[in-house]
N, C-alpha and C. Protein backbone atom coordinates (compact mmCIF):
# COMPACT_ATOMS: atom_id res chain seq x y z
N UNK A 1 -10.16 -4.66 1.06
CA UNK A 1 -10.06 -6.11 1.73
C UNK A 1 -9.07 -5.98 2.62
N UNK A 2 -8.89 -6.60 3.87
CA UNK A 2 -7.66 -6.68 4.39
C UNK A 2 -6.93 -7.86 4.04
N UNK A 3 -5.53 -7.64 4.16
CA UNK A 3 -4.69 -8.51 3.57
C UNK A 3 -4.78 -9.79 3.96
N UNK A 4 -5.07 -10.21 5.28
CA UNK A 4 -5.35 -11.61 5.92
C UNK A 4 -6.47 -12.22 5.40
N UNK A 5 -7.57 -11.70 5.34
CA UNK A 5 -8.60 -12.16 4.86
C UNK A 5 -8.69 -12.31 3.37
N UNK A 6 -8.18 -11.33 2.55
CA UNK A 6 -8.21 -11.44 1.04
C UNK A 6 -7.23 -12.88 0.68
N UNK A 7 -6.03 -13.14 1.50
CA UNK A 7 -5.16 -13.95 1.40
C UNK A 7 -5.93 -15.41 1.65
N UNK A 8 -6.57 -15.49 2.77
CA UNK A 8 -7.64 -16.33 3.16
C UNK A 8 -8.49 -16.96 2.12
N UNK A 9 -9.41 -15.97 1.46
CA UNK A 9 -10.51 -16.14 0.73
C UNK A 9 -9.55 -16.63 -0.29
N UNK A 10 -8.40 -16.33 -0.95
CA UNK A 10 -7.84 -16.94 -2.11
C UNK A 10 -7.44 -18.16 -1.83
N UNK A 11 -6.71 -18.57 -0.78
CA UNK A 11 -6.34 -19.73 -0.44
C UNK A 11 -7.58 -20.79 -0.55
N UNK A 12 -8.71 -20.36 0.05
CA UNK A 12 -9.88 -21.11 -0.15
C UNK A 12 -10.27 -21.31 -1.56
N UNK A 13 -10.46 -20.60 -2.34
CA UNK A 13 -10.33 -20.73 -3.77
C UNK A 13 -9.60 -21.54 -4.51
N UNK A 14 -8.25 -21.47 -4.17
CA UNK A 14 -7.42 -22.50 -4.83
C UNK A 14 -7.40 -23.79 -4.18
N UNK A 15 -7.42 -23.86 -3.13
CA UNK A 15 -7.57 -25.09 -2.65
C UNK A 15 -8.92 -25.88 -3.01
N UNK A 16 -10.15 -25.21 -3.14
CA UNK A 16 -11.23 -25.82 -3.87
C UNK A 16 -10.99 -26.04 -5.09
N UNK A 17 -10.58 -25.54 -5.85
CA UNK A 17 -10.52 -25.71 -7.38
C UNK A 17 -9.29 -27.18 -7.53
N UNK A 18 -8.34 -27.06 -6.56
CA UNK A 18 -7.44 -28.20 -6.65
C UNK A 18 -8.38 -29.57 -6.25
N UNK A 19 -9.17 -29.42 -5.25
CA UNK A 19 -9.88 -30.50 -4.87
C UNK A 19 -10.78 -30.90 -5.77
N UNK A 20 -11.63 -29.82 -6.63
CA UNK A 20 -12.34 -30.17 -7.63
C UNK A 20 -11.94 -30.95 -9.09
N UNK A 21 -10.67 -30.51 -9.22
CA UNK A 21 -9.98 -31.23 -10.33
C UNK A 21 -9.46 -32.46 -9.99
N UNK A 22 -9.05 -32.63 -8.68
CA UNK A 22 -8.83 -33.80 -8.39
C UNK A 22 -9.93 -34.76 -8.34
N UNK A 23 -10.91 -34.45 -7.89
CA UNK A 23 -12.15 -35.28 -7.58
C UNK A 23 -12.68 -35.87 -8.91
N UNK A 24 -12.42 -34.99 -9.94
CA UNK A 24 -12.90 -34.94 -11.37
C UNK A 24 -12.35 -35.84 -12.13
N UNK A 25 -10.87 -35.69 -11.92
CA UNK A 25 -9.51 -36.78 -12.27
C UNK A 25 -10.00 -38.09 -11.94
N UNK A 26 -10.24 -38.28 -10.74
CA UNK A 26 -10.41 -39.67 -10.00
C UNK A 26 -11.76 -40.23 -10.03
N UNK A 27 -12.68 -39.51 -10.62
CA UNK A 27 -14.11 -39.94 -10.59
C UNK A 27 -14.60 -39.94 -9.09
N UNK A 28 -14.38 -39.15 -8.33
CA UNK A 28 -14.67 -38.92 -6.65
C UNK A 28 -15.35 -37.99 -6.78
N UNK A 29 -16.75 -37.96 -6.78
CA UNK A 29 -17.84 -37.08 -7.07
C UNK A 29 -17.86 -36.41 -5.52
N UNK A 30 -17.72 -37.01 -4.35
CA UNK A 30 -17.49 -36.28 -3.28
C UNK A 30 -16.63 -35.37 -3.12
N UNK A 31 -15.41 -35.69 -3.39
CA UNK A 31 -14.27 -34.64 -3.53
C UNK A 31 -14.47 -33.57 -4.52
N UNK A 32 -15.20 -33.80 -5.61
CA UNK A 32 -15.43 -32.72 -6.29
C UNK A 32 -16.48 -31.61 -5.78
N UNK A 33 -17.42 -32.09 -5.01
CA UNK A 33 -18.46 -31.31 -4.42
C UNK A 33 -17.74 -30.74 -3.42
N UNK A 34 -16.95 -31.43 -2.52
CA UNK A 34 -16.36 -30.69 -1.87
C UNK A 34 -15.50 -29.55 -2.09
N UNK A 35 -14.76 -29.73 -3.00
CA UNK A 35 -13.89 -28.72 -3.81
C UNK A 35 -14.67 -27.40 -4.12
N UNK A 36 -16.15 -27.78 -4.90
CA UNK A 36 -16.97 -26.59 -5.30
C UNK A 36 -17.32 -25.89 -4.00
N UNK A 37 -17.49 -26.56 -2.92
CA UNK A 37 -18.16 -25.96 -1.79
C UNK A 37 -16.98 -24.89 -1.11
N UNK A 38 -15.92 -25.56 -1.30
CA UNK A 38 -15.07 -24.73 -0.57
C UNK A 38 -14.60 -23.49 -1.70
N UNK A 39 -14.82 -23.53 -2.74
CA UNK A 39 -14.54 -22.52 -3.64
C UNK A 39 -15.49 -21.30 -3.52
N UNK A 40 -16.88 -21.83 -3.13
CA UNK A 40 -17.97 -21.08 -2.84
C UNK A 40 -17.78 -19.95 -1.78
N UNK A 41 -17.24 -21.12 -0.59
CA UNK A 41 -16.86 -20.45 0.81
C UNK A 41 -15.53 -19.30 0.43
N UNK A 42 -14.69 -19.54 -0.48
CA UNK A 42 -13.85 -18.44 -0.78
C UNK A 42 -14.39 -17.23 -1.42
N UNK A 43 -15.12 -17.45 -2.22
CA UNK A 43 -16.03 -16.34 -3.13
C UNK A 43 -16.89 -15.55 -2.05
N UNK A 44 -17.57 -16.14 -0.86
CA UNK A 44 -18.41 -15.71 0.05
C UNK A 44 -17.69 -14.68 0.75
N UNK A 45 -16.25 -14.98 1.08
CA UNK A 45 -15.42 -14.28 2.18
C UNK A 45 -15.12 -13.12 1.30
N UNK A 46 -14.46 -13.20 -0.08
CA UNK A 46 -13.99 -12.12 -0.76
C UNK A 46 -15.22 -11.30 -0.86
N UNK A 47 -16.42 -11.53 -1.16
CA UNK A 47 -17.34 -10.60 -1.44
C UNK A 47 -17.61 -10.08 -0.12
N UNK A 48 -17.61 -10.55 1.11
CA UNK A 48 -18.06 -9.97 2.23
C UNK A 48 -16.90 -8.91 2.43
N UNK A 49 -15.74 -9.19 2.38
CA UNK A 49 -14.50 -8.04 2.53
C UNK A 49 -14.68 -7.08 1.73
N UNK A 50 -15.22 -7.22 0.10
CA UNK A 50 -15.30 -6.29 -0.42
C UNK A 50 -16.36 -5.18 -0.35
N UNK A 51 -17.58 -5.76 0.23
CA UNK A 51 -18.69 -4.98 0.76
C UNK A 51 -18.16 -4.17 1.86
N UNK A 52 -17.48 -4.91 2.93
CA UNK A 52 -16.91 -4.07 4.08
C UNK A 52 -16.15 -2.77 3.19
N UNK A 53 -15.26 -3.10 2.60
CA UNK A 53 -14.45 -1.82 1.98
C UNK A 53 -15.19 -0.94 1.41
N UNK A 54 -16.35 -1.01 0.59
CA UNK A 54 -17.06 0.01 0.11
C UNK A 54 -17.77 0.88 1.37
N UNK A 55 -18.39 0.09 2.48
CA UNK A 55 -18.75 0.99 3.27
C UNK A 55 -17.88 1.65 4.18
N UNK A 56 -16.48 1.16 4.18
CA UNK A 56 -15.59 1.64 4.92
C UNK A 56 -14.96 3.16 4.33
N UNK A 57 -15.10 3.49 2.96
CA UNK A 57 -14.79 4.40 2.55
C UNK A 57 -15.65 5.44 2.11
């Protein structure tokens, strides 16, 4: 996985987890859902990069 894309994916996952936790703590369901969506986006980006690495080697 390229370093830049790996960092971006991890950043999205962390940012999403923070949003989800903040939403849960404040009772903001919209923020919680937004956080889960952002985590999923980061997971998808990481999976895409791992797949590219498999076919690269």
